[in-house]
Amino acid sequence: MTTLRIALYQPDIPGNTGTILRLAACLGLGVDIIEPAGFDISDRNLKRAGMDYLSAVTLTRHVNWDRFETWRQESGRRLVLASTKAAQPYTDFAFRSDDILLFGRESAGVPEQVHDRADGRILIPMVEGQRSINVAMSAAMISGEALRQTQWSPASTLGLNVAPE
């Protein structure tokens, strides 16, 4: 189990949030929802997208950004923001196993004050002229890379011990 977490800043779409919760359950990631959300957290679309995986997720709800930020600073974790305004590709970023991967609202991203608090800002390179990738897809791509760097390796996946060179 990793200590890597996904944080959703005021999510708008229950289906995307449910999909991210299912992803987190399957990968052993914790999830933080920074409220207010644009929907009732008990929404049936969230439950449908998350299916029966929701009970397997370690989910923490934060009443607002300030409460989340206080918790994050007290825990000593780094905040890594996925943003179309960033310059560094996510594949070039050196993730740590206790990072919090922050994803903004589907409709508006995150405000500048949140951008300013991020310890790292990363983007998914896209074909010119395209606006953005679905937030659940972005969370899957970036979480996969973070886990690849911090948790997964061919040797550990196969249960092999490999001597360092």
C-alpha atoms as a PDB file:
ATOM      1  CA  MET A   1       0.000   0.000   0.000  1.00  0.00           C
ATOM      2  CA  THR A   2       1.329   3.385  -0.998  1.00  0.00           C
ATOM      3  CA  THR A   3       0.846   6.645   0.848  1.00  0.00           C
ATOM      4  CA  LEU A   4       0.353   8.454  -2.468  1.00  0.00           C
ATOM      5  CA  ARG A   5      -2.938  10.366  -2.533  1.00  0.00           C
ATOM      6  CA  ILE A   6      -5.216  11.955  -5.114  1.00  0.00           C
ATOM      7  CA  ALA A   7      -6.904  15.228  -4.152  1.00  0.00           C
ATOM      8  CA  LEU A   8      -9.883  16.628  -6.051  1.00  0.00           C
ATOM      9  CA  TYR A   9     -10.460  20.354  -5.768  1.00  0.00           C
ATOM     10  CA  GLN A  10     -14.202  21.073  -5.711  1.00  0.00           C
ATOM     11  CA  PRO A  11     -15.106  18.397  -8.268  1.00  0.00           C
ATOM     12  CA  ASP A  12     -18.036  19.176 -10.588  1.00  0.00           C
ATOM     13  CA  ILE A  13     -18.992  15.837 -12.126  1.00  0.00           C
ATOM     14  CA  PRO A  14     -20.031  12.894  -9.949  1.00  0.00           C
ATOM     15  CA  GLY A  15     -19.220  10.302 -12.621  1.00  0.00           C
ATOM     16  CA  ASN A  16     -15.611  11.484 -12.850  1.00  0.00           C
ATOM     17  CA  THR A  17     -15.262  11.486  -9.077  1.00  0.00           C
ATOM     18  CA  GLY A  18     -16.700   7.967  -8.897  1.00  0.00           C
ATOM     19  CA  THR A  19     -14.280   6.776 -11.566  1.00  0.00           C
ATOM     20  CA  ILE A  20     -11.348   8.296  -9.667  1.00  0.00           C
ATOM     21  CA  LEU A  21     -12.529   6.658  -6.438  1.00  0.00           C
ATOM     22  CA  ARG A  22     -12.664   3.303  -8.224  1.00  0.00           C
ATOM     23  CA  LEU A  23      -9.161   3.880  -9.618  1.00  0.00           C
ATOM     24  CA  ALA A  24      -7.900   4.712  -6.133  1.00  0.00           C
ATOM     25  CA  ALA A  25      -9.495   1.592  -4.653  1.00  0.00           C
ATOM     26  CA  CYS A  26      -7.837  -0.605  -7.262  1.00  0.00           C
ATOM     27  CA  LEU A  27      -4.407   1.013  -6.873  1.00  0.00           C
ATOM     28  CA  GLY A  28      -4.462   1.438  -3.097  1.00  0.00           C
ATOM     29  CA  LEU A  29      -4.424   5.240  -3.174  1.00  0.00           C
ATOM     30  CA  GLY A  30      -6.091   7.547  -0.692  1.00  0.00           C
ATOM     31  CA  VAL A  31      -8.428  10.279  -1.944  1.00  0.00           C
ATOM     32  CA  ASP A  32      -9.093  13.748  -0.581  1.00  0.00           C
ATOM     33  CA  ILE A  33     -12.150  15.688  -1.720  1.00  0.00           C
ATOM     34  CA  ILE A  34     -11.824  19.405  -1.138  1.00  0.00           C
ATOM     35  CA  GLU A  35     -15.329  20.789  -0.827  1.00  0.00           C
ATOM     36  CA  PRO A  36     -17.649  22.236  -1.773  1.00  0.00           C
ATOM     37  CA  ALA A  37     -18.287  19.727  -4.532  1.00  0.00           C
ATOM     38  CA  GLY A  38     -20.611  20.629  -7.374  1.00  0.00           C
ATOM     39  CA  PHE A  39     -22.890  17.708  -6.445  1.00  0.00           C
ATOM     40  CA  ASP A  40     -24.170  15.782  -3.445  1.00  0.00           C
ATOM     41  CA  ILE A  41     -21.429  13.327  -2.439  1.00  0.00           C
ATOM     42  CA  SER A  42     -24.127  10.644  -2.108  1.00  0.00           C
ATOM     43  CA  ASP A  43     -25.118  11.209  -5.777  1.00  0.00           C
ATOM     44  CA  ARG A  44     -26.251   8.053  -7.596  1.00  0.00           C
ATOM     45  CA  ASN A  45     -23.989   8.843 -10.568  1.00  0.00           C
ATOM     46  CA  LEU A  46     -20.971   8.835  -8.267  1.00  0.00           C
ATOM     47  CA  LYS A  47     -22.078   5.500  -6.838  1.00  0.00           C
ATOM     48  CA  ARG A  48     -22.742   4.055 -10.294  1.00  0.00           C
ATOM     49  CA  ALA A  49     -19.293   5.099 -11.563  1.00  0.00           C
ATOM     50  CA  GLY A  50     -17.577   3.853  -8.400  1.00  0.00           C
ATOM     51  CA  MET A  51     -19.643   0.659  -8.383  1.00  0.00           C
ATOM     52  CA  ASP A  52     -18.927  -1.552  -5.386  1.00  0.00           C
ATOM     53  CA  TYR A  53     -15.368  -0.228  -5.040  1.00  0.00           C
ATOM     54  CA  LEU A  54     -16.296   2.826  -2.967  1.00  0.00           C
ATOM     55  CA  SER A  55     -16.163   0.940   0.314  1.00  0.00           C
ATOM     56  CA  ALA A  56     -12.530   0.028  -0.429  1.00  0.00           C
ATOM     57  CA  VAL A  57     -11.338   3.649  -0.751  1.00  0.00           C
ATOM     58  CA  THR A  58      -9.722   5.638   2.020  1.00  0.00           C
ATOM     59  CA  LEU A  59     -11.639   8.863   1.461  1.00  0.00           C
ATOM     60  CA  THR A  60     -11.170  12.083   3.414  1.00  0.00           C
ATOM     61  CA  ARG A  61     -13.489  15.030   2.894  1.00  0.00           C
ATOM     62  CA  HIS A  62     -12.160  18.507   3.666  1.00  0.00           C
ATOM     63  CA  VAL A  63     -14.763  21.212   4.245  1.00  0.00           C
ATOM     64  CA  ASN A  64     -12.716  23.760   2.258  1.00  0.00           C
ATOM     65  CA  TRP A  65      -9.295  24.562   0.805  1.00  0.00           C
ATOM     66  CA  ASP A  66      -7.966  26.129   4.006  1.00  0.00           C
ATOM     67  CA  ARG A  67      -8.738  23.028   6.074  1.00  0.00           C
ATOM     68  CA  PHE A  68      -7.148  20.789   3.445  1.00  0.00           C
ATOM     69  CA  GLU A  69      -4.040  22.993   3.277  1.00  0.00           C
ATOM     70  CA  THR A  70      -3.679  22.980   7.077  1.00  0.00           C
ATOM     71  CA  TRP A  71      -3.922  19.176   7.110  1.00  0.00           C
ATOM     72  CA  ARG A  72      -1.428  18.874   4.240  1.00  0.00           C
ATOM     73  CA  GLN A  73       1.139  21.140   5.852  1.00  0.00           C
ATOM     74  CA  GLU A  74       0.820  19.339   9.191  1.00  0.00           C
ATOM     75  CA  SER A  75       1.374  16.022   7.415  1.00  0.00           C
ATOM     76  CA  GLY A  76       4.466  17.380   5.639  1.00  0.00           C
ATOM     77  CA  ARG A  77       3.328  16.217   2.207  1.00  0.00           C
ATOM     78  CA  ARG A  78       4.205  17.762  -1.103  1.00  0.00           C
ATOM     79  CA  LEU A  79       1.380  19.037  -3.315  1.00  0.00           C
ATOM     80  CA  VAL A  80       1.717  18.263  -7.033  1.00  0.00           C
ATOM     81  CA  LEU A  81      -0.800  20.101  -9.207  1.00  0.00           C
ATOM     82  CA  ALA A  82      -1.876  18.819 -12.614  1.00  0.00           C
ATOM     83  CA  SER A  83      -2.509  21.892 -14.740  1.00  0.00           C
ATOM     84  CA  THR A  84      -2.739  22.893 -18.371  1.00  0.00           C
ATOM     85  CA  LYS A  85      -0.848  26.052 -17.266  1.00  0.00           C
ATOM     86  CA  ALA A  86       2.199  24.075 -16.106  1.00  0.00           C
ATOM     87  CA  ALA A  87       5.383  23.723 -18.136  1.00  0.00           C
ATOM     88  CA  GLN A  88       6.847  20.440 -16.847  1.00  0.00           C
ATOM     89  CA  PRO A  89       5.587  17.184 -18.386  1.00  0.00           C
ATOM     90  CA  TYR A  90       4.432  14.713 -15.736  1.00  0.00           C
ATOM     91  CA  THR A  91       6.835  12.084 -17.106  1.00  0.00           C
ATOM     92  CA  ASP A  92       9.801  14.379 -16.298  1.00  0.00           C
ATOM     93  CA  PHE A  93       8.717  15.008 -12.701  1.00  0.00           C
ATOM     94  CA  ALA A  94      10.376  13.096  -9.835  1.00  0.00           C
ATOM     95  CA  PHE A  95       7.458  11.848  -7.729  1.00  0.00           C
ATOM     96  CA  ARG A  96       7.710  10.814  -4.098  1.00  0.00           C
ATOM     97  CA  SER A  97       5.626   8.046  -2.547  1.00  0.00           C
ATOM     98  CA  ASP A  98       3.865  10.446  -0.156  1.00  0.00           C
ATOM     99  CA  ASP A  99       2.929  13.088  -2.737  1.00  0.00           C
ATOM    100  CA  ILE A 100      -0.598  14.428  -3.057  1.00  0.00           C
ATOM    101  CA  LEU A 101      -1.650  14.652  -6.693  1.00  0.00           C
ATOM    102  CA  LEU A 102      -4.102  17.540  -7.016  1.00  0.00           C
ATOM    103  CA  PHE A 103      -6.659  17.787  -9.831  1.00  0.00           C
ATOM    104  CA  GLY A 104      -8.850  20.852 -10.315  1.00  0.00           C
ATOM    105  CA  ARG A 105     -12.494  21.356 -11.137  1.00  0.00           C
ATOM    106  CA  GLU A 106     -13.562  20.087 -14.534  1.00  0.00           C
ATOM    107  CA  SER A 107     -15.110  23.472 -15.320  1.00  0.00           C
ATOM    108  CA  ALA A 108     -12.431  25.837 -14.012  1.00  0.00           C
ATOM    109  CA  GLY A 109      -9.295  24.120 -12.708  1.00  0.00           C
ATOM    110  CA  VAL A 110      -8.021  25.733  -9.518  1.00  0.00           C
ATOM    111  CA  PRO A 111      -7.744  29.402  -8.510  1.00  0.00           C
ATOM    112  CA  GLU A 112      -4.375  31.181  -8.478  1.00  0.00           C
ATOM    113  CA  GLN A 113      -4.105  30.932  -4.682  1.00  0.00           C
ATOM    114  CA  VAL A 114      -4.159  27.131  -5.005  1.00  0.00           C
ATOM    115  CA  HIS A 115      -1.731  27.227  -7.937  1.00  0.00           C
ATOM    116  CA  ASP A 116       0.632  29.277  -5.799  1.00  0.00           C
ATOM    117  CA  ARG A 117       0.595  26.720  -2.955  1.00  0.00           C
ATOM    118  CA  ALA A 118       1.628  23.775  -5.161  1.00  0.00           C
ATOM    119  CA  ASP A 119       5.144  22.430  -4.655  1.00  0.00           C
ATOM    120  CA  GLY A 120       5.164  21.094  -8.200  1.00  0.00           C
ATOM    121  CA  ARG A 121       3.102  21.820 -11.319  1.00  0.00           C
ATOM    122  CA  ILE A 122       2.869  19.239 -14.061  1.00  0.00           C
ATOM    123  CA  LEU A 123       1.022  18.806 -17.311  1.00  0.00           C
ATOM    124  CA  ILE A 124       0.140  16.073 -19.737  1.00  0.00           C
ATOM    125  CA  PRO A 125       1.540  17.093 -23.131  1.00  0.00           C
ATOM    126  CA  MET A 126      -1.228  17.211 -25.732  1.00  0.00           C
ATOM    127  CA  VAL A 127      -1.649  17.792 -29.423  1.00  0.00           C
ATOM    128  CA  GLU A 128      -1.782  21.493 -30.204  1.00  0.00           C
ATOM    129  CA  GLY A 129      -5.284  22.918 -30.298  1.00  0.00           C
ATOM    130  CA  GLN A 130      -6.773  20.529 -27.725  1.00  0.00           C
ATOM    131  CA  ARG A 131      -7.989  21.981 -24.431  1.00  0.00           C
ATOM    132  CA  SER A 132      -7.797  19.259 -21.830  1.00  0.00           C
ATOM    133  CA  ILE A 133      -8.053  15.554 -21.048  1.00  0.00           C
ATOM    134  CA  ASN A 134     -10.879  14.232 -18.870  1.00  0.00           C
ATOM    135  CA  VAL A 135      -9.921  14.591 -15.203  1.00  0.00           C
ATOM    136  CA  ALA A 136     -10.403  10.886 -14.455  1.00  0.00           C
ATOM    137  CA  MET A 137      -8.152   9.949 -17.390  1.00  0.00           C
ATOM    138  CA  SER A 138      -5.586  12.523 -16.246  1.00  0.00           C
ATOM    139  CA  ALA A 139      -5.669  11.107 -12.718  1.00  0.00           C
ATOM    140  CA  ALA A 140      -5.093   7.601 -14.081  1.00  0.00           C
ATOM    141  CA  MET A 141      -2.168   8.643 -16.274  1.00  0.00           C
ATOM    142  CA  ILE A 142      -0.395  10.681 -13.615  1.00  0.00           C
ATOM    143  CA  SER A 143      -1.075   8.209 -10.789  1.00  0.00           C
ATOM    144  CA  GLY A 144       0.298   5.412 -12.952  1.00  0.00           C
ATOM    145  CA  GLU A 145       3.518   7.323 -13.564  1.00  0.00           C
ATOM    146  CA  ALA A 146       3.861   8.254  -9.894  1.00  0.00           C
ATOM    147  CA  LEU A 147       3.385   4.611  -8.895  1.00  0.00           C
ATOM    148  CA  ARG A 148       5.795   3.441 -11.584  1.00  0.00           C
ATOM    149  CA  GLN A 149       8.457   5.721 -10.163  1.00  0.00           C
ATOM    150  CA  THR A 150       7.811   5.032  -6.486  1.00  0.00           C
ATOM    151  CA  GLN A 151       6.278   1.579  -6.124  1.00  0.00           C
ATOM    152  CA  TRP A 152       6.368  -0.526  -9.251  1.00  0.00           C
ATOM    153  CA  SER A 153       9.346  -2.061 -10.944  1.00  0.00           C
ATOM    154  CA  PRO A 154       9.688  -5.194 -13.063  1.00  0.00           C
ATOM    155  CA  ALA A 155      11.538  -6.947 -10.247  1.00  0.00           C
ATOM    156  CA  SER A 156       9.002  -6.099  -7.537  1.00  0.00           C
ATOM    157  CA  THR A 157       6.082  -6.996  -9.808  1.00  0.00           C
ATOM    158  CA  LEU A 158       7.601 -10.439 -10.434  1.00  0.00           C
ATOM    159  CA  GLY A 159       8.698 -10.914  -6.851  1.00  0.00           C
ATOM    160  CA  LEU A 160      12.373 -11.015  -7.854  1.00  0.00           C
ATOM    161  CA  ASN A 161      15.308  -9.623  -5.940  1.00  0.00           C
ATOM    162  CA  VAL A 162      17.630  -7.771  -8.258  1.00  0.00           C
ATOM    163  CA  ALA A 163      21.112  -6.817  -7.102  1.00  0.00           C
ATOM    164  CA  PRO A 164      22.060  -3.209  -7.771  1.00  0.00           C
ATOM    165  CA  GLU A 165      24.628  -2.673 -10.513  1.00  0.00           C
END
